[in-house]
C-alpha atoms as a PDB file:
ATOM      1  CA  MET A   1       0.203   0.026   0.072  1.00  0.00           C
ATOM      2  CA  SER A   2       0.917   3.738  -1.028  1.00  0.00           C
ATOM      3  CA  SER A   3       3.008   5.301   2.105  1.00  0.00           C
ATOM      4  CA  ARG A   4       1.009   8.579   1.402  1.00  0.00           C
ATOM      5  CA  PRO A   5      -3.204   7.996   1.800  1.00  0.00           C
ATOM      6  CA  ARG A   6      -5.104   8.823  -1.042  1.00  0.00           C
ATOM      7  CA  SER A   7      -7.711  11.509  -1.114  1.00  0.00           C
ATOM      8  CA  ARG A   8      -9.906  10.344  -3.886  1.00  0.00           C
ATOM      9  CA  ARG A   9     -13.993  10.314  -3.094  1.00  0.00           C
ATOM     10  CA  GLN A  10     -13.039  11.826   0.091  1.00  0.00           C
ATOM     11  CA  ASP A  11     -15.988  14.380   0.081  1.00  0.00           C
ATOM     12  CA  PRO A  12     -19.345  12.504  -0.106  1.00  0.00           C
ATOM     13  CA  ARG A  13     -21.186  16.259  -0.835  1.00  0.00           C
ATOM     14  CA  THR A  14     -19.261  16.473  -4.288  1.00  0.00           C
ATOM     15  CA  GLN A  15     -18.911  12.668  -4.720  1.00  0.00           C
ATOM     16  CA  SER A  16     -22.816  12.070  -5.494  1.00  0.00           C
ATOM     17  CA  LEU A  17     -22.180  14.331  -8.914  1.00  0.00           C
ATOM     18  CA  LEU A  18     -19.144  12.116 -10.023  1.00  0.00           C
ATOM     19  CA  PRO A  19     -19.543   9.052 -11.884  1.00  0.00           C
ATOM     20  CA  ARG A  20     -18.426   5.884 -10.080  1.00  0.00           C
ATOM     21  CA  ALA A  21     -17.151   2.458 -10.927  1.00  0.00           C
ATOM     22  CA  ALA A  22     -19.614  -0.105  -9.749  1.00  0.00           C
ATOM     23  CA  ARG A  23     -16.492  -2.153  -8.235  1.00  0.00           C
ATOM     24  CA  GLU A  24     -13.428  -0.774  -6.896  1.00  0.00           C
ATOM     25  CA  ARG A  25     -10.639  -2.269  -5.342  1.00  0.00           C
ATOM     26  CA  ILE A  26      -9.229  -0.124  -2.552  1.00  0.00           C
ATOM     27  CA  ALA A  27      -6.662  -2.561  -1.551  1.00  0.00           C
ATOM     28  CA  GLU A  28      -5.427  -5.943  -1.910  1.00  0.00           C
ATOM     29  CA  ASP A  29      -8.271  -7.708  -0.706  1.00  0.00           C
ATOM     30  CA  ALA A  30     -10.938  -4.878  -0.102  1.00  0.00           C
ATOM     31  CA  VAL A  31     -13.594  -3.787  -2.367  1.00  0.00           C
ATOM     32  CA  LEU A  32     -16.166  -1.104  -3.096  1.00  0.00           C
ATOM     33  CA  LEU A  33     -19.188  -1.838  -4.559  1.00  0.00           C
ATOM     34  CA  ALA A  34     -20.448   1.521  -5.122  1.00  0.00           C
ATOM     35  CA  GLY A  35     -24.587   1.188  -5.153  1.00  0.00           C
ATOM     36  CA  ALA A  36     -24.639  -2.057  -4.292  1.00  0.00           C
ATOM     37  CA  ALA A  37     -27.511  -2.048  -1.620  1.00  0.00           C
ATOM     38  CA  SER A  38     -29.359   0.741  -3.292  1.00  0.00           C
ATOM     39  CA  ALA A  39     -32.087  -1.081  -4.607  1.00  0.00           C
ATOM     40  CA  ASP A  40     -32.556  -3.283  -1.588  1.00  0.00           C
ATOM     41  CA  ALA A  41     -32.252  -0.330   1.009  1.00  0.00           C
ATOM     42  CA  PRO A  42     -36.144   0.632   1.675  1.00  0.00           C
ATOM     43  CA  ALA A  43     -36.791  -3.161   2.235  1.00  0.00           C
ATOM     44  CA  LEU A  44     -33.697  -3.526   4.292  1.00  0.00           C
ATOM     45  CA  LEU A  45     -34.668  -0.483   6.859  1.00  0.00           C
ATOM     46  CA  ALA A  46     -38.220  -2.110   7.053  1.00  0.00           C
ATOM     47  CA  ALA A  47     -36.576  -5.501   7.999  1.00  0.00           C
ATOM     48  CA  LEU A  48     -34.828  -3.644  10.658  1.00  0.00           C
ATOM     49  CA  GLN A  49     -37.530  -2.169  12.267  1.00  0.00           C
ATOM     50  CA  PRO A  50     -38.679  -5.551  14.219  1.00  0.00           C
ATOM     51  CA  VAL A  51     -35.066  -6.062  15.553  1.00  0.00           C
ATOM     52  CA  ILE A  52     -34.900  -2.433  16.872  1.00  0.00           C
ATOM     53  CA  ALA A  53     -38.336  -2.942  18.716  1.00  0.00           C
ATOM     54  CA  GLN A  54     -36.866  -6.008  20.299  1.00  0.00           C
ATOM     55  CA  ALA A  55     -33.202  -4.695  20.823  1.00  0.00           C
ATOM     56  CA  PRO A  56     -33.531  -0.898  20.924  1.00  0.00           C
ATOM     57  CA  TRP A  57     -30.772   1.360  20.381  1.00  0.00           C
ATOM     58  CA  ARG A  58     -28.254   1.670  22.970  1.00  0.00           C
ATOM     59  CA  HIS A  59     -25.256   3.553  23.687  1.00  0.00           C
ATOM     60  CA  MET A  60     -22.460   0.744  25.213  1.00  0.00           C
ATOM     61  CA  VAL A  61     -19.534   1.650  27.189  1.00  0.00           C
ATOM     62  CA  THR A  62     -15.683   1.056  26.465  1.00  0.00           C
ATOM     63  CA  PRO A  63     -14.006  -1.066  28.477  1.00  0.00           C
ATOM     64  CA  GLY A  64     -12.691   2.123  30.295  1.00  0.00           C
ATOM     65  CA  GLY A  65     -15.765   3.509  30.998  1.00  0.00           C
ATOM     66  CA  LEU A  66     -16.606   6.190  28.353  1.00  0.00           C
ATOM     67  CA  THR A  67     -19.608   6.250  26.626  1.00  0.00           C
ATOM     68  CA  MET A  68     -19.810   5.420  22.634  1.00  0.00           C
ATOM     69  CA  SER A  69     -21.627   8.397  20.670  1.00  0.00           C
ATOM     70  CA  VAL A  70     -22.644   5.838  18.239  1.00  0.00           C
ATOM     71  CA  ALA A  71     -25.863   3.992  19.117  1.00  0.00           C
ATOM     72  CA  MET A  72     -25.789   0.130  18.470  1.00  0.00           C
ATOM     73  CA  THR A  73     -27.741  -2.608  18.129  1.00  0.00           C
ATOM     74  CA  ASN A  74     -27.229  -6.095  16.870  1.00  0.00           C
ATOM     75  CA  CYS A  75     -29.306  -9.349  14.879  1.00  0.00           C
ATOM     76  CA  GLY A  76     -28.099 -12.918  14.354  1.00  0.00           C
ATOM     77  CA  HIS A  77     -26.550 -15.958  16.433  1.00  0.00           C
ATOM     78  CA  VAL A  78     -24.653 -13.442  18.409  1.00  0.00           C
ATOM     79  CA  GLY A  79     -24.234  -9.735  18.936  1.00  0.00           C
ATOM     80  CA  TRP A  80     -21.318  -7.431  19.629  1.00  0.00           C
ATOM     81  CA  VAL A  81     -21.042  -5.833  23.045  1.00  0.00           C
ATOM     82  CA  SER A  82     -18.782  -3.813  25.079  1.00  0.00           C
ATOM     83  CA  ASP A  83     -18.745  -2.962  28.854  1.00  0.00           C
ATOM     84  CA  ARG A  84     -16.408  -2.524  31.676  1.00  0.00           C
ATOM     85  CA  ARG A  85     -15.649  -6.410  31.107  1.00  0.00           C
ATOM     86  CA  GLY A  86     -14.218  -5.806  27.590  1.00  0.00           C
ATOM     87  CA  TYR A  87     -15.196  -6.299  23.675  1.00  0.00           C
ATOM     88  CA  ARG A  88     -17.080  -9.579  23.077  1.00  0.00           C
ATOM     89  CA  TYR A  89     -19.657 -11.425  21.585  1.00  0.00           C
ATOM     90  CA  ASP A  90     -22.384 -12.419  23.050  1.00  0.00           C
ATOM     91  CA  SER A  91     -25.771 -14.718  22.238  1.00  0.00           C
ATOM     92  CA  VAL A  92     -27.836 -12.776  24.996  1.00  0.00           C
ATOM     93  CA  ASP A  93     -28.829  -9.005  24.404  1.00  0.00           C
ATOM     94  CA  PRO A  94     -27.261  -7.667  28.062  1.00  0.00           C
ATOM     95  CA  ASP A  95     -30.150  -5.057  28.267  1.00  0.00           C
ATOM     96  CA  SER A  96     -32.992  -7.394  28.187  1.00  0.00           C
ATOM     97  CA  GLY A  97     -31.496 -11.005  28.799  1.00  0.00           C
ATOM     98  CA  ARG A  98     -32.919 -12.390  25.885  1.00  0.00           C
ATOM     99  CA  PRO A  99     -31.389 -13.438  22.729  1.00  0.00           C
ATOM    100  CA  TRP A 100     -30.746 -11.173  20.002  1.00  0.00           C
ATOM    101  CA  PRO A 101     -33.261 -10.846  17.308  1.00  0.00           C
ATOM    102  CA  GLY A 102     -32.783 -13.518  14.568  1.00  0.00           C
ATOM    103  CA  MET A 103     -31.097 -11.992  11.534  1.00  0.00           C
ATOM    104  CA  PRO A 104     -33.579 -11.043   8.759  1.00  0.00           C
ATOM    105  CA  ALA A 105     -32.829 -13.304   5.463  1.00  0.00           C
ATOM    106  CA  LEU A 106     -32.676 -10.139   3.420  1.00  0.00           C
ATOM    107  CA  LEU A 107     -30.227  -9.062   5.311  1.00  0.00           C
ATOM    108  CA  GLN A 108     -27.962 -12.498   4.835  1.00  0.00           C
ATOM    109  CA  ARG A 109     -28.413 -12.463   1.385  1.00  0.00           C
ATOM    110  CA  LEU A 110     -27.263  -9.259   0.503  1.00  0.00           C
ATOM    111  CA  ALA A 111     -24.201  -9.491   2.739  1.00  0.00           C
ATOM    112  CA  ALA A 112     -23.516 -13.204   1.220  1.00  0.00           C
ATOM    113  CA  ARG A 113     -23.952 -11.461  -2.372  1.00  0.00           C
ATOM    114  CA  ALA A 114     -21.564  -8.562  -1.845  1.00  0.00           C
ATOM    115  CA  ALA A 115     -18.976 -11.057  -0.306  1.00  0.00           C
ATOM    116  CA  ALA A 116     -19.216 -13.149  -3.739  1.00  0.00           C
ATOM    117  CA  MET A 117     -19.100 -10.063  -5.798  1.00  0.00           C
ATOM    118  CA  ALA A 118     -15.837  -8.830  -3.668  1.00  0.00           C
ATOM    119  CA  GLY A 119     -14.083 -12.252  -4.193  1.00  0.00           C
ATOM    120  CA  PHE A 120     -15.419 -13.862  -1.277  1.00  0.00           C
ATOM    121  CA  ALA A 121     -17.762 -16.826  -2.288  1.00  0.00           C
ATOM    122  CA  GLY A 122     -19.837 -18.686   0.577  1.00  0.00           C
ATOM    123  CA  PHE A 123     -19.859 -16.261   3.120  1.00  0.00           C
ATOM    124  CA  LYS A 124     -22.316 -17.080   5.948  1.00  0.00           C
ATOM    125  CA  PRO A 125     -22.494 -14.063   8.515  1.00  0.00           C
ATOM    126  CA  ASP A 126     -23.968 -15.164  11.855  1.00  0.00           C
ATOM    127  CA  ALA A 127     -23.678 -11.541  13.482  1.00  0.00           C
ATOM    128  CA  CYS A 128     -24.886  -8.228  12.378  1.00  0.00           C
ATOM    129  CA  LEU A 129     -23.495  -4.970  14.178  1.00  0.00           C
ATOM    130  CA  VAL A 130     -26.190  -2.262  13.447  1.00  0.00           C
ATOM    131  CA  ASN A 131     -24.897   1.263  13.991  1.00  0.00           C
ATOM    132  CA  ARG A 132     -26.708   4.593  14.018  1.00  0.00           C
ATOM    133  CA  TYR A 133     -24.948   7.974  13.630  1.00  0.00           C
ATOM    134  CA  ALA A 134     -26.238  11.194  14.146  1.00  0.00           C
ATOM    135  CA  PRO A 135     -24.660  14.300  12.865  1.00  0.00           C
ATOM    136  CA  GLY A 136     -21.417  14.859  14.601  1.00  0.00           C
ATOM    137  CA  THR A 137     -20.916  11.495  15.740  1.00  0.00           C
ATOM    138  CA  ARG A 138     -17.857   9.586  14.803  1.00  0.00           C
ATOM    139  CA  LEU A 139     -15.689   6.206  15.007  1.00  0.00           C
ATOM    140  CA  SER A 140     -12.385   6.087  15.489  1.00  0.00           C
ATOM    141  CA  LEU A 141      -9.663   4.023  13.867  1.00  0.00           C
ATOM    142  CA  HIS A 142     -10.174  -0.129  15.356  1.00  0.00           C
ATOM    143  CA  GLN A 143      -9.616  -3.537  14.243  1.00  0.00           C
ATOM    144  CA  ASP A 144     -12.713  -5.919  13.843  1.00  0.00           C
ATOM    145  CA  ARG A 145     -10.610  -8.521  15.997  1.00  0.00           C
ATOM    146  CA  ASN A 146     -13.083 -10.073  18.377  1.00  0.00           C
ATOM    147  CA  GLU A 147     -13.967 -12.952  15.717  1.00  0.00           C
ATOM    148  CA  LEU A 148     -12.977 -16.411  16.153  1.00  0.00           C
ATOM    149  CA  ASP A 149     -13.019 -16.790  12.414  1.00  0.00           C
ATOM    150  CA  LEU A 150     -10.498 -14.742  10.821  1.00  0.00           C
ATOM    151  CA  SER A 151     -10.433 -15.895   7.222  1.00  0.00           C
ATOM    152  CA  ALA A 152     -14.060 -14.700   6.596  1.00  0.00           C
ATOM    153  CA  PRO A 153     -14.738 -11.225   5.527  1.00  0.00           C
ATOM    154  CA  VAL A 154     -16.360  -7.979   6.747  1.00  0.00           C
ATOM    155  CA  VAL A 155     -19.373  -6.635   4.576  1.00  0.00           C
ATOM    156  CA  SER A 156     -20.130  -2.994   5.606  1.00  0.00           C
ATOM    157  CA  VAL A 157     -23.510  -1.178   4.047  1.00  0.00           C
ATOM    158  CA  SER A 158     -24.173   2.175   4.623  1.00  0.00           C
ATOM    159  CA  LEU A 159     -27.467   3.567   4.410  1.00  0.00           C
ATOM    160  CA  GLY A 160     -28.478   7.052   4.430  1.00  0.00           C
ATOM    161  CA  LEU A 161     -26.727  10.306   5.040  1.00  0.00           C
ATOM    162  CA  PRO A 162     -23.381   9.954   3.213  1.00  0.00           C
ATOM    163  CA  ALA A 163     -19.865   9.463   5.379  1.00  0.00           C
ATOM    164  CA  VAL A 164     -16.199   9.423   5.116  1.00  0.00           C
ATOM    165  CA  PHE A 165     -15.078   6.090   5.504  1.00  0.00           C
ATOM    166  CA  LEU A 166     -11.082   5.958   6.773  1.00  0.00           C
ATOM    167  CA  PHE A 167      -9.198   2.755   5.614  1.00  0.00           C
ATOM    168  CA  GLY A 168      -5.985   1.884   6.885  1.00  0.00           C
ATOM    169  CA  GLY A 169      -3.182  -0.572   7.293  1.00  0.00           C
ATOM    170  CA  LEU A 170      -2.400  -3.291   9.646  1.00  0.00           C
ATOM    171  CA  ARG A 171      -1.059  -0.471  12.202  1.00  0.00           C
ATOM    172  CA  ARG A 172      -2.730   2.119  13.819  1.00  0.00           C
ATOM    173  CA  ALA A 173      -0.228   4.280  12.732  1.00  0.00           C
ATOM    174  CA  ASP A 174      -0.328   3.465   8.650  1.00  0.00           C
ATOM    175  CA  PRO A 175      -1.678   6.092   6.377  1.00  0.00           C
ATOM    176  CA  ALA A 176      -5.439   6.098   5.900  1.00  0.00           C
ATOM    177  CA  GLN A 177      -7.437   6.486   2.863  1.00  0.00           C
ATOM    178  CA  ARG A 178     -10.822   8.639   2.714  1.00  0.00           C
ATOM    179  CA  ILE A 179     -13.583   7.257   1.160  1.00  0.00           C
ATOM    180  CA  ALA A 180     -16.795   9.231   0.701  1.00  0.00           C
ATOM    181  CA  LEU A 181     -19.589   6.369   1.064  1.00  0.00           C
ATOM    182  CA  LEU A 182     -22.795   7.054  -0.180  1.00  0.00           C
ATOM    183  CA  HIS A 183     -26.245   5.665   0.622  1.00  0.00           C
ATOM    184  CA  GLY A 184     -26.068   1.961  -0.760  1.00  0.00           C
ATOM    185  CA  ASP A 185     -22.702   1.870  -0.593  1.00  0.00           C
ATOM    186  CA  VAL A 186     -20.935  -1.830   0.586  1.00  0.00           C
ATOM    187  CA  VAL A 187     -17.216  -1.981   1.470  1.00  0.00           C
ATOM    188  CA  VAL A 188     -16.082  -5.695   1.512  1.00  0.00           C
ATOM    189  CA  TRP A 189     -12.410  -6.539   2.999  1.00  0.00           C
ATOM    190  CA  GLY A 190     -10.666  -9.720   4.329  1.00  0.00           C
ATOM    191  CA  GLY A 191      -7.708 -11.668   3.395  1.00  0.00           C
ATOM    192  CA  ARG A 192      -4.612  -9.895   3.410  1.00  0.00           C
ATOM    193  CA  GLN A 193      -6.542  -6.624   5.194  1.00  0.00           C
ATOM    194  CA  ARG A 194      -8.926  -8.378   7.177  1.00  0.00           C
ATOM    195  CA  LEU A 195      -7.650  -6.768  10.185  1.00  0.00           C
ATOM    196  CA  ALA A 196      -6.995  -3.340   8.611  1.00  0.00           C
ATOM    197  CA  PHE A 197      -7.469  -0.501  10.957  1.00  0.00           C
ATOM    198  CA  HIS A 198     -10.627   1.676   9.855  1.00  0.00           C
ATOM    199  CA  GLY A 199     -13.012   4.137  11.233  1.00  0.00           C
ATOM    200  CA  VAL A 200     -15.902   6.933  10.273  1.00  0.00           C
ATOM    201  CA  THR A 201     -14.890  10.685  10.525  1.00  0.00           C
ATOM    202  CA  ALA A 202     -17.698  12.738  12.253  1.00  0.00           C
ATOM    203  CA  LEU A 203     -20.605  12.640  10.287  1.00  0.00           C
ATOM    204  CA  ALA A 204     -21.913  16.284   8.296  1.00  0.00           C
ATOM    205  CA  ASP A 205     -25.570  17.705   8.808  1.00  0.00           C
ATOM    206  CA  GLY A 206     -27.820  16.495   6.782  1.00  0.00           C
ATOM    207  CA  GLU A 207     -31.285  14.943   6.000  1.00  0.00           C
ATOM    208  CA  HIS A 208     -31.826  11.639   3.948  1.00  0.00           C
ATOM    209  CA  PRO A 209     -35.244  10.787   2.362  1.00  0.00           C
ATOM    210  CA  LEU A 210     -35.538   7.088   3.767  1.00  0.00           C
ATOM    211  CA  THR A 211     -33.235   7.552   7.264  1.00  0.00           C
ATOM    212  CA  GLY A 212     -33.851  11.232   8.371  1.00  0.00           C
ATOM    213  CA  ALA A 213     -31.172  13.021   9.907  1.00  0.00           C
ATOM    214  CA  CYS A 214     -28.678   9.951  10.768  1.00  0.00           C
ATOM    215  CA  ARG A 215     -26.790   6.963   9.052  1.00  0.00           C
ATOM    216  CA  ILE A 216     -27.287   3.741   9.173  1.00  0.00           C
ATOM    217  CA  ASN A 217     -24.581   1.045   8.999  1.00  0.00           C
ATOM    218  CA  LEU A 218     -24.587  -2.904   8.660  1.00  0.00           C
ATOM    219  CA  THR A 219     -21.503  -4.724   9.609  1.00  0.00           C
ATOM    220  CA  PHE A 220     -21.832  -8.303   9.069  1.00  0.00           C
ATOM    221  CA  ARG A 221     -19.218 -10.827  10.415  1.00  0.00           C
ATOM    222  CA  LYS A 222     -18.655 -14.516  10.834  1.00  0.00           C
ATOM    223  CA  ALA A 223     -17.838 -14.307  14.491  1.00  0.00           C
ATOM    224  CA  LEU A 224     -17.963 -18.151  15.615  1.00  0.00           C
END
């Protein structure tokens, strides 16, 4: 990877006016699928409503005691949780004491299809972390490394307001690309980039016809 971060696609406000490739490689084993979830977006958001009703949005706490700014919930066999005991996957929602809602079939199919388009056939996610970003919220650079199966990719679906996605290297200090993500975009990474550091810059103000003043992100993983 280049020693300097690339600045292309870094402003989502202007990116929507430019032609984009449907499939663009952003690293050796990382692919941007522009608009791959756009057609399914209304149905995806509708499928999330029962999930949110059963496991409402919450702001988790880091092991250090900080409250995360991004609201979260989960669906699938297990859900990603964070509290004073650390980061981990759990089959039970700690807020309700009940199992997490099952992953809607539409979400499973989208994740498997996107993974296959990116060169990772046979992906069967068992966890979907759902994040809700309000304007001003961000996600600092981090690795997805709590999964037992690191041979499977990560599939990230962006819905609603545009965002700037940071995609770096295998060290936190490595330069990070700034990639503008629009409604319906999907990023898939695995293989040599499976433990790449990534994050999201502070979300800009705005209003989207499907999500209102927020961005919804679906992150599919094979946790077990």
